[in-house]
Amino acid sequence: MPRFCGPETTFRLGSILGCHKQPHTDIYHN
């Protein structure tokens, strides 16, 4: 399932968590 994640979190923790929720930034699908 695709998760909602911000560009900052995806850049830092994307490799570890795969995706993380960032409600205060632009939402992207990964």
N, C-alpha and C. Protein backbone atom coordinates (compact mmCIF):
# COMPACT_ATOMS: atom_id res chain seq x y z
N MET A 1 0.84 -1.20 0.00
CA MET A 1 0.00 0.00 0.00
C MET A 1 0.88 1.25 0.00
N PRO A 2 0.49 2.27 -0.79
CA PRO A 2 1.24 3.53 -0.82
C PRO A 2 1.03 4.31 0.47
N ARG A 3 2.08 4.93 0.94
CA ARG A 3 1.99 5.70 2.18
C ARG A 3 2.21 7.17 1.90
N PHE A 4 1.58 8.02 2.72
CA PHE A 4 1.76 9.45 2.58
C PHE A 4 3.06 9.87 3.27
N CYS A 5 3.89 10.61 2.54
CA CYS A 5 5.14 11.02 3.13
C CYS A 5 5.61 12.35 2.57
N GLY A 6 6.24 13.14 3.39
CA GLY A 6 6.77 14.42 2.96
C GLY A 6 8.13 14.24 2.31
N PRO A 7 8.55 15.21 1.50
CA PRO A 7 9.81 15.15 0.77
C PRO A 7 11.02 15.11 1.72
N GLU A 8 10.94 15.81 2.85
CA GLU A 8 12.04 15.84 3.80
C GLU A 8 12.23 14.50 4.49
N THR A 9 11.12 13.92 4.92
CA THR A 9 11.19 12.63 5.60
C THR A 9 11.62 11.53 4.64
N THR A 10 11.13 11.63 3.41
CA THR A 10 11.47 10.63 2.41
C THR A 10 12.95 10.70 2.09
N PHE A 11 13.50 11.91 2.11
CA PHE A 11 14.92 12.09 1.79
C PHE A 11 15.80 11.55 2.90
N ARG A 12 15.39 11.74 4.14
CA ARG A 12 16.22 11.32 5.28
C ARG A 12 15.93 9.88 5.69
N LEU A 13 14.66 9.59 5.96
CA LEU A 13 14.31 8.28 6.50
C LEU A 13 13.71 7.35 5.46
N GLY A 14 13.69 7.81 4.21
CA GLY A 14 13.06 7.01 3.15
C GLY A 14 13.71 5.65 3.02
N SER A 15 15.02 5.60 3.18
CA SER A 15 15.75 4.35 3.02
C SER A 15 15.48 3.42 4.20
N ILE A 16 15.17 4.01 5.37
CA ILE A 16 14.98 3.21 6.57
C ILE A 16 13.52 2.83 6.76
N LEU A 17 12.64 3.83 6.77
CA LEU A 17 11.24 3.57 7.04
C LEU A 17 10.46 3.32 5.76
N GLY A 18 11.06 3.69 4.63
CA GLY A 18 10.35 3.52 3.37
C GLY A 18 9.44 4.71 3.12
N CYS A 19 8.77 5.16 4.16
CA CYS A 19 7.90 6.32 4.05
C CYS A 19 7.45 6.73 5.45
N HIS A 20 7.16 8.00 5.62
CA HIS A 20 6.72 8.49 6.92
C HIS A 20 5.74 9.62 6.71
N LYS A 21 4.87 9.83 7.68
CA LYS A 21 3.84 10.87 7.54
C LYS A 21 4.40 12.25 7.87
N GLN A 22 4.20 13.18 6.94
CA GLN A 22 4.60 14.58 7.15
C GLN A 22 3.39 15.46 6.86
N PRO A 23 2.55 15.69 7.86
CA PRO A 23 1.33 16.46 7.66
C PRO A 23 1.59 17.95 7.41
N HIS A 24 2.73 18.47 7.85
CA HIS A 24 2.96 19.90 7.68
C HIS A 24 3.71 20.23 6.40
N THR A 25 3.95 19.22 5.56
CA THR A 25 4.62 19.51 4.29
C THR A 25 3.76 19.02 3.14
N ASP A 26 4.22 19.22 1.93
CA ASP A 26 3.47 18.73 0.76
C ASP A 26 3.42 17.21 0.78
N ILE A 27 2.24 16.66 0.52
CA ILE A 27 2.06 15.21 0.58
C ILE A 27 2.40 14.56 -0.76
N TYR A 28 3.18 13.50 -0.68
CA TYR A 28 3.54 12.75 -1.89
C TYR A 28 3.24 11.28 -1.70
N HIS A 29 3.07 10.58 -2.80
CA HIS A 29 2.83 9.14 -2.72
C HIS A 29 4.08 8.38 -3.11
N ASN A 30 4.43 7.37 -2.31
CA ASN A 30 5.59 6.53 -2.62
C ASN A 30 5.16 5.06 -2.63
